[in-house]
Protein backbone atom coordinates (compact mmCIF):
# COMPACT_ATOMS: atom_id res chain seq x y z
CA MET A 1 0.31 0.02 -0.10
CA LYS A 2 3.10 2.47 0.53
CA GLU A 3 4.45 1.40 -2.56
CA ALA A 4 1.10 2.39 -3.97
CA LEU A 5 0.72 5.78 -2.80
CA GLN A 6 4.30 6.70 -3.18
CA THR A 7 3.96 5.86 -7.10
CA LEU A 8 0.53 7.82 -6.90
CA GLY A 9 2.20 10.58 -5.34
CA THR A 10 5.46 10.57 -7.86
CA ASN A 11 3.30 10.53 -10.97
CA GLN A 12 1.21 13.99 -9.78
CA LYS A 13 3.82 16.00 -8.96
CA ASP A 14 4.26 16.88 -11.97
CA ALA A 15 0.78 17.78 -12.88
CA GLY A 16 -2.43 19.83 -11.13
CA PRO A 17 -2.17 21.60 -7.82
CA TYR A 18 1.55 20.76 -6.79
CA LYS A 19 2.97 23.34 -9.29
CA ASP A 20 -0.37 25.26 -8.68
CA LYS A 21 0.03 27.91 -6.18
CA ARG A 22 -3.77 28.61 -6.27
CA GLY A 23 -4.46 24.72 -6.42
CA LYS A 24 -2.22 23.87 -3.30
CA GLY A 25 -3.86 27.22 -1.07
CA ILE A 26 -7.16 25.45 -2.02
CA LEU A 27 -5.75 22.52 -0.74
CA TYR A 28 -4.38 24.15 2.45
CA LEU A 29 -7.78 26.11 2.79
CA LEU A 30 -9.44 22.32 3.10
CA LEU A 31 -6.97 22.00 5.89
CA TRP A 32 -8.35 24.18 8.13
CA GLY A 33 -11.15 25.39 6.78
CA ILE A 34 -13.54 22.11 6.81
CA PRO A 35 -12.64 21.92 11.07
CA LEU A 36 -14.19 24.92 10.85
CA LEU A 37 -16.88 24.25 9.58
CA LEU A 38 -17.61 21.14 11.70
CA ASN A 39 -16.64 23.11 14.56
CA THR A 40 -19.34 25.96 13.88
CA LEU A 41 -21.76 22.84 13.38
CA GLY A 42 -20.63 21.42 16.68
CA ILE A 43 -21.60 25.18 18.48
CA ILE A 44 -24.90 25.66 16.70
CA MET A 45 -26.10 21.75 17.90
CA ILE A 46 -24.61 22.25 21.26
CA THR A 47 -26.93 25.30 21.24
CA SER A 48 -29.75 23.65 20.21
CA VAL A 49 -28.93 20.35 22.06
CA GLY A 50 -28.00 21.91 25.53
CA THR A 51 -30.35 24.54 26.46
CA SER A 52 -32.43 22.46 28.22
CA PHE A 53 -29.27 20.90 30.16
CA SER A 54 -28.05 24.35 30.78
CA ILE A 55 -30.84 25.82 32.58
CA VAL A 56 -31.42 22.75 34.68
CA ARG A 57 -27.59 23.46 35.85
CA TRP A 58 -26.75 26.72 35.63
CA ASN A 59 -30.39 27.95 35.23
CA ALA A 60 -29.37 29.39 31.78
CA PRO A 61 -29.67 28.46 28.74
CA PHE A 62 -26.11 29.20 26.36
CA VAL A 63 -23.80 28.69 28.97
CA LEU A 64 -22.46 24.77 27.17
CA ALA A 65 -22.96 27.20 23.78
CA ILE A 66 -20.10 29.89 26.02
CA LYS A 67 -18.15 27.61 26.73
CA GLN A 68 -17.49 25.57 23.79
CA ILE A 69 -17.07 29.20 21.58
CA GLN A 70 -14.15 30.31 24.12
CA TRP A 71 -12.65 26.48 23.67
CA THR A 72 -13.17 27.47 20.64
CA ILE A 73 -11.23 30.43 20.80
CA ILE A 74 -8.67 28.74 22.89
CA ALA A 75 -8.17 26.14 20.17
CA VAL A 76 -7.85 28.25 17.44
CA LEU A 77 -5.13 30.37 19.52
CA GLY A 78 -3.34 26.56 19.59
CA MET A 79 -3.06 25.85 16.60
CA LEU A 80 -1.92 29.26 15.49
CA THR A 81 1.14 28.63 18.11
CA CYS A 82 2.26 24.98 16.68
CA TYR A 83 2.05 26.20 13.03
CA ALA A 84 4.56 29.47 14.29
CA ILE A 85 6.93 26.86 16.03
CA PRO A 86 9.12 24.91 13.10
CA LEU A 87 7.96 21.14 12.76
CA ARG A 88 12.20 20.65 13.35
CA LEU A 89 11.38 21.65 16.84
CA TRP A 90 9.03 20.21 17.52
CA LYS A 91 10.79 16.75 16.55
CA LYS A 92 13.78 17.94 18.35
CA TYR A 93 12.11 17.58 21.95
CA SER A 94 9.31 15.07 20.73
CA GLY A 95 10.61 13.05 23.96
CA LEU A 96 10.09 16.03 27.05
CA LEU A 97 6.45 16.74 24.97
CA TRP A 98 5.75 13.09 25.23
CA SER A 99 7.21 12.50 28.90
CA PHE A 100 5.13 16.01 30.35
CA ALA A 101 1.88 14.66 28.93
CA LEU A 102 2.63 10.96 30.25
CA PHE A 103 3.23 12.89 33.43
CA LEU A 104 -0.05 14.22 33.58
CA MET A 105 -1.81 11.49 32.42
CA TYR A 106 -0.03 9.80 36.30
CA LEU A 107 -1.50 12.90 37.84
CA THR A 108 -4.87 11.35 37.58
CA LEU A 109 -3.91 8.74 39.49
CA LEU A 110 -3.54 10.93 42.67
CA PRO A 111 -5.95 10.93 45.24
CA GLY A 112 -8.81 13.47 44.96
CA MET A 113 -7.84 13.99 41.25
CA GLN A 114 -11.77 14.52 39.48
CA LYS A 115 -13.76 11.41 39.13
CA VAL A 116 -16.50 11.52 36.00
CA TYR A 117 -18.10 8.41 35.93
CA GLY A 118 -15.91 6.80 38.40
CA ALA A 119 -12.82 7.08 36.72
CA SER A 120 -10.46 9.81 37.08
CA ARG A 121 -9.33 10.76 34.08
CA TRP A 122 -9.03 14.54 34.80
CA ILE A 123 -6.98 17.27 36.27
CA ASN A 124 -9.20 19.93 37.90
CA LEU A 125 -6.93 22.90 37.30
CA GLY A 126 -9.83 25.35 39.06
CA PHE A 127 -11.60 27.18 36.71
CA PHE A 128 -11.40 24.46 33.81
CA SER A 129 -10.15 20.54 33.30
CA ILE A 130 -8.00 19.11 31.34
CA GLN A 131 -7.76 15.49 30.27
CA PRO A 132 -4.33 14.56 29.61
CA SER A 133 -5.12 11.59 27.59
CA GLU A 134 -5.55 13.68 24.50
CA VAL A 135 -2.34 15.95 25.05
CA LEU A 136 -1.04 12.39 25.40
CA PHE A 137 -2.23 11.03 21.84
CA VAL A 138 -0.86 14.39 19.91
CA PHE A 139 2.53 14.05 21.61
CA SER A 140 2.29 10.23 21.13
CA VAL A 141 2.41 10.93 17.38
CA ILE A 142 4.77 13.14 17.00
CA HIS A 143 7.17 11.44 19.11
CA VAL A 144 6.91 8.02 17.67
CA ALA A 145 7.34 9.23 13.92
CA ARG A 146 10.41 10.43 15.20
CA LYS A 147 11.54 7.16 16.44
CA MET A 148 10.47 5.77 13.45
CA HIS A 149 12.84 7.59 11.67
CA GLU A 150 16.00 7.32 13.60
CA LYS A 151 19.12 5.58 11.27
CA ASN A 152 19.72 2.49 10.62
CA ILE A 153 16.66 1.49 12.29
CA THR A 154 15.60 -1.80 11.96
CA LYS A 155 11.75 -3.61 11.71
CA ARG A 156 12.59 -5.45 15.39
CA TRP A 157 14.37 -2.83 17.03
CA ALA A 158 11.61 -0.12 15.88
CA PHE A 159 8.90 -2.60 17.33
CA LEU A 160 10.27 -2.80 20.31
CA ARG A 161 10.91 0.83 20.95
CA LEU A 162 7.36 1.66 19.80
CA PHE A 163 6.31 -1.72 22.66
CA PHE A 164 7.98 -0.01 25.24
CA ILE A 165 6.81 3.88 24.88
CA PHE A 166 3.14 2.27 24.44
CA MET A 167 3.68 0.35 27.79
CA LEU A 168 4.80 3.17 29.32
CA SER A 169 2.33 4.84 28.27
CA VAL A 170 -0.56 2.45 28.90
CA VAL A 171 -0.34 2.27 32.62
CA PRO A 172 -2.46 5.43 33.83
CA PHE A 173 -5.27 4.33 31.57
CA ILE A 174 -5.68 0.79 32.98
CA PHE A 175 -5.67 2.74 36.47
CA GLN A 176 -8.21 5.18 35.61
CA PRO A 177 -9.66 3.23 33.94
CA ASP A 178 -10.14 3.79 30.30
CA TYR A 179 -9.52 0.61 28.39
CA GLY A 180 -11.12 2.47 25.41
CA GLY A 181 -8.25 5.09 25.53
CA ALA A 182 -5.53 2.26 26.00
CA ILE A 183 -7.37 0.22 22.88
CA LEU A 184 -7.00 3.59 20.55
CA LEU A 185 -3.77 4.14 21.76
CA PHE A 186 -2.47 0.77 20.75
CA VAL A 187 -4.38 0.60 17.92
CA LEU A 188 -2.93 4.35 17.10
CA MET A 189 1.12 3.26 17.26
CA MET A 190 0.53 0.26 15.48
CA GLY A 191 -0.94 2.21 12.67
CA ILE A 192 2.04 4.36 13.14
CA TYR A 193 4.53 1.70 12.82
CA VAL A 194 2.71 0.16 9.88
CA GLU A 195 3.37 3.04 7.77
CA LYS A 196 7.05 2.48 7.47
CA PHE A 197 7.50 -1.14 8.42
CA GLY A 198 5.07 -3.32 7.01
CA TRP A 199 1.73 -5.71 8.96
CA LEU A 200 3.91 -8.18 9.85
CA TYR A 201 4.91 -7.27 13.80
CA PRO A 202 1.78 -5.64 13.99
CA LEU A 203 -1.02 -8.42 12.77
CA VAL A 204 1.26 -11.07 14.18
CA ILE A 205 2.87 -10.15 18.17
CA GLY A 206 0.66 -7.09 18.23
CA GLY A 207 -2.79 -8.91 17.65
CA SER A 208 -1.75 -11.44 20.15
CA MET A 209 -0.89 -8.82 22.70
CA GLY A 210 -3.87 -7.03 22.48
CA VAL A 211 -6.06 -10.40 22.63
CA LEU A 212 -4.32 -11.50 25.58
CA GLY A 213 -3.97 -8.19 27.03
CA PHE A 214 -7.70 -7.05 26.76
CA MET A 215 -9.64 -10.02 26.67
CA PRO A 216 -9.11 -10.75 30.18
CA LEU A 217 -9.75 -6.97 31.11
CA LEU A 218 -13.27 -7.38 29.46
CA VAL A 219 -14.25 -10.65 30.84
CA SER A 220 -13.21 -9.71 34.58
CA SER A 221 -15.58 -6.57 34.57
CA PRO A 222 -19.29 -7.03 35.16
CA TYR A 223 -19.49 -3.31 33.96
CA ARG A 224 -18.05 -3.79 30.61
CA MET A 225 -19.58 -7.20 30.06
CA ALA A 226 -22.78 -5.69 30.50
CA ARG A 227 -21.76 -2.82 28.25
CA VAL A 228 -20.96 -5.16 25.46
CA LEU A 229 -24.12 -7.40 26.04
CA ALA A 230 -26.46 -3.87 25.70
CA PHE A 231 -24.44 -3.65 22.05
CA LEU A 232 -25.08 -6.61 21.31
CA ASP A 233 -28.98 -6.71 22.38
CA PRO A 234 -30.24 -3.13 24.37
CA TRP A 235 -33.34 -4.69 24.44
CA GLN A 236 -32.23 -7.14 26.79
CA ASP A 237 -32.16 -4.10 29.22
CA PRO A 238 -34.44 -0.89 27.15
CA ARG A 239 -34.27 1.69 30.28
CA GLY A 240 -30.91 0.65 32.07
CA LYS A 241 -27.15 0.05 29.65
CA GLY A 242 -29.46 0.17 26.71
CA PHE A 243 -31.46 2.98 26.76
CA GLN A 244 -28.85 5.30 25.50
CA ILE A 245 -28.96 3.10 22.08
CA ILE A 246 -32.26 3.12 21.84
CA GLN A 247 -32.49 6.57 22.11
CA GLY A 248 -30.35 7.06 19.58
CA PHE A 249 -31.91 5.01 17.23
CA ILE A 250 -34.70 6.82 17.97
CA ALA A 251 -33.47 10.44 16.95
CA PHE A 252 -32.34 9.16 13.53
CA ALA A 253 -36.02 7.58 13.21
CA ASN A 254 -37.40 10.81 14.04
CA GLY A 255 -34.71 12.79 11.86
CA GLY A 256 -35.83 11.14 8.65
CA LEU A 257 -33.85 12.62 5.66
CA TRP A 258 -34.58 15.93 6.00
CA GLY A 259 -34.51 16.16 9.95
CA VAL A 260 -36.93 17.77 12.49
CA GLY A 261 -34.89 21.07 12.15
CA LEU A 262 -32.58 23.28 14.74
CA GLY A 263 -34.35 23.50 18.00
CA GLN A 264 -37.33 20.91 17.29
CA GLY A 265 -35.98 18.11 18.40
CA LEU A 266 -37.41 15.89 21.55
CA GLN A 267 -34.61 14.06 22.15
CA LYS A 268 -32.63 16.28 23.82
CA LEU A 269 -35.70 16.78 26.44
CA LYS A 270 -34.18 14.00 28.52
CA TYR A 271 -34.40 11.49 26.63
CA LEU A 272 -30.81 10.85 24.74
CA PRO A 273 -28.34 10.76 27.58
CA ALA A 274 -24.95 12.67 26.03
CA ALA A 275 -26.83 15.11 23.25
CA HIS A 276 -24.04 17.26 23.14
CA THR A 277 -20.91 14.92 23.65
CA ASP A 278 -20.72 11.58 22.21
CA PHE A 279 -24.22 11.04 20.93
CA ILE A 280 -24.40 14.69 19.00
CA PHE A 281 -24.32 12.72 15.77
CA ALA A 282 -27.79 10.89 16.92
CA ALA A 283 -28.82 14.77 17.69
CA ILE A 284 -27.52 15.77 14.28
CA GLY A 285 -29.42 13.31 12.58
CA GLU A 286 -32.70 14.36 14.29
CA GLU A 287 -32.80 18.04 13.40
CA LEU A 288 -30.64 18.04 10.33
CA GLY A 289 -31.73 14.72 8.89
CA PHE A 290 -30.10 11.97 6.90
CA VAL A 291 -28.89 14.83 4.44
CA GLY A 292 -27.25 16.72 7.68
CA THR A 293 -25.00 13.39 8.81
CA SER A 294 -24.32 12.70 5.35
CA LEU A 295 -22.90 16.40 5.49
CA VAL A 296 -20.97 15.42 8.27
CA LEU A 297 -19.19 12.60 6.83
CA LEU A 298 -18.57 13.87 3.19
CA LEU A 299 -16.46 16.75 5.16
CA PHE A 300 -14.77 14.24 7.42
CA VAL A 301 -13.96 12.19 4.05
CA LEU A 302 -12.72 15.38 1.60
CA TRP A 303 -10.33 16.68 5.13
CA PHE A 304 -8.87 13.04 4.90
CA VAL A 305 -8.78 13.20 1.29
CA THR A 306 -7.06 16.14 1.46
CA ILE A 307 -4.67 15.00 4.30
CA LEU A 308 -3.61 11.81 1.70
CA TRP A 309 -2.94 14.15 -0.92
CA PHE A 310 -0.27 15.93 0.57
CA TYR A 311 0.91 12.47 1.70
CA VAL A 312 1.62 10.94 -1.04
CA ASN A 313 3.33 14.46 -2.94
CA ILE A 314 5.93 15.12 0.35
CA GLN A 315 8.91 13.09 0.36
CA ASP A 316 10.04 14.30 3.62
CA ALA A 317 9.77 10.31 5.68
CA PHE A 318 8.89 11.85 9.04
CA VAL A 319 6.46 14.20 7.68
CA ARG A 320 4.83 11.66 5.99
CA THR A 321 4.65 9.83 9.14
CA LEU A 322 3.42 12.63 11.14
CA LEU A 323 0.69 13.00 8.67
CA TRP A 324 -0.16 9.72 8.71
CA GLY A 325 0.05 9.59 11.90
CA ILE A 326 -2.09 12.63 12.58
CA ALA A 327 -4.50 11.35 10.55
CA ILE A 328 -5.16 8.30 12.37
CA SER A 329 -5.71 9.67 15.65
CA VAL A 330 -8.35 11.58 13.84
CA ALA A 331 -10.11 9.22 12.02
CA LEU A 332 -9.49 6.49 14.79
CA PRO A 333 -12.18 8.30 17.66
CA LEU A 334 -14.48 9.46 14.39
CA ILE A 335 -14.95 5.64 14.08
CA VAL A 336 -15.18 4.48 17.16
CA ASN A 337 -18.13 7.75 18.31
CA LEU A 338 -19.80 6.80 15.17
CA GLY A 339 -19.61 2.75 15.89
CA GLY A 340 -21.28 3.34 18.99
CA VAL A 341 -24.01 5.66 17.80
CA LEU A 342 -24.64 3.32 15.22
CA LYS A 343 -24.51 0.06 17.57
CA LEU A 344 -21.47 -1.17 15.21
CA PHE A 345 -19.62 -1.03 18.62
CA PRO A 346 -19.72 -1.01 22.04
CA MET A 347 -20.00 2.62 23.18
CA THR A 348 -16.50 3.88 25.00
CA GLY A 349 -17.44 6.69 25.68
CA VAL A 350 -15.24 8.95 22.76
CA PRO A 351 -16.28 12.60 21.38
CA MET A 352 -16.92 12.98 17.82
CA PRO A 353 -13.42 14.67 16.65
CA PHE A 354 -14.62 19.11 16.33
CA ILE A 355 -18.13 18.49 17.09
CA SER A 356 -19.10 17.40 20.48
CA TYR A 357 -19.18 19.17 23.45
CA GLY A 358 -16.04 19.53 25.34
CA GLY A 359 -12.63 21.36 25.78
CA SER A 360 -9.43 19.00 25.90
CA SER A 361 -10.59 17.22 22.80
CA LEU A 362 -11.17 20.03 20.92
CA VAL A 363 -7.99 21.92 21.86
CA MET A 364 -5.57 19.34 20.76
CA MET A 365 -7.86 18.48 17.72
CA TRP A 366 -7.20 22.30 16.48
CA ALA A 367 -3.49 21.45 17.47
CA ARG A 368 -3.29 18.63 15.37
CA VAL A 369 -4.40 20.99 12.54
CA GLY A 370 -1.62 23.29 13.46
CA PHE A 371 1.00 20.14 13.43
CA LEU A 372 -0.41 19.39 9.87
CA LEU A 373 -0.25 22.90 8.60
CA ARG A 374 3.29 23.12 9.66
CA GLY A 375 4.58 19.65 8.38
CA ILE A 376 3.15 20.08 5.08
CA ARG A 377 4.74 23.44 4.81
CA ASP A 378 8.42 22.51 6.00
CA GLY A 379 8.04 19.08 4.33
CA LEU A 380 6.83 21.04 0.32
CA SER A 381 9.42 23.49 1.33
CA GLU A 382 12.98 21.36 1.18
């Protein structure tokens, strides 16, 4: 697959937007313009479905929307900061950045840290809280990409280094607990390895590790088993574990082709839990219908295709791996979120990129955009 993409990039270099500054400018625009559209849609939907929640909790209708707008401003500023710093510096200090993110992860295990649904995944800083796992995902991409391109590195040695990085990173996920995040990190690192060294080690060794490591954790927990059983048949417990899945389907059914209209959805009235976070795609389906959800998916596909175009046209190996890793780090939570809402996977509480309510996720998603733009700029200028 890697060779086919490289051939495609080679064949396109003498034609099309690669030599056309205007065409390349349009592709740059898509890289940040599409996230901006998705982010704006998220704010609109959070305003629509989060009104009742805001009134109940804060006695004000637009608290969630205002907070998301504030986070958007911070996130865009963060993106500009990531873009302003040369990629060679991010690469040079990737180990320190990863270590800092890992330090934040271990801080969540200290007594007194904020718990959400029984899991210690947040650090409360007073005015706001951060989720260190979002930081770790981004800095892990940069650090692993760097490690994959050290001089004279072999397949086996690269895999051992990746395994060492993963084992240090996964410990706090286990104790928080956040097994969904641990699995995402595992697949992310395997995906980055595949880009340079192929499928052999991830399929044989990585697959065995995944089955032997995560299956016992799954079957040993009644709560996680209950979520899996609810995924298989939500009607066995329609008012308990299966409630959210069923209400999500009702939201899609209510929306039909065109939706019931912004602000007109009924599922947000305490029927659909997490309508502004994990299940915001179902809320979009109810209020904007199949047309609205299809547009969202089309924007994501167009964004990934744009990244792929740059990927096949850049010669710098590190930048290519970085683009690949960033794309995977956005695609994975998107697939998991959609899979949970559409009952393709068990629900794991992963937000929808750029759209769901939440500051940590939004800031780090925009940081990815900054790294993409900077990596492409530095990669094409060499």
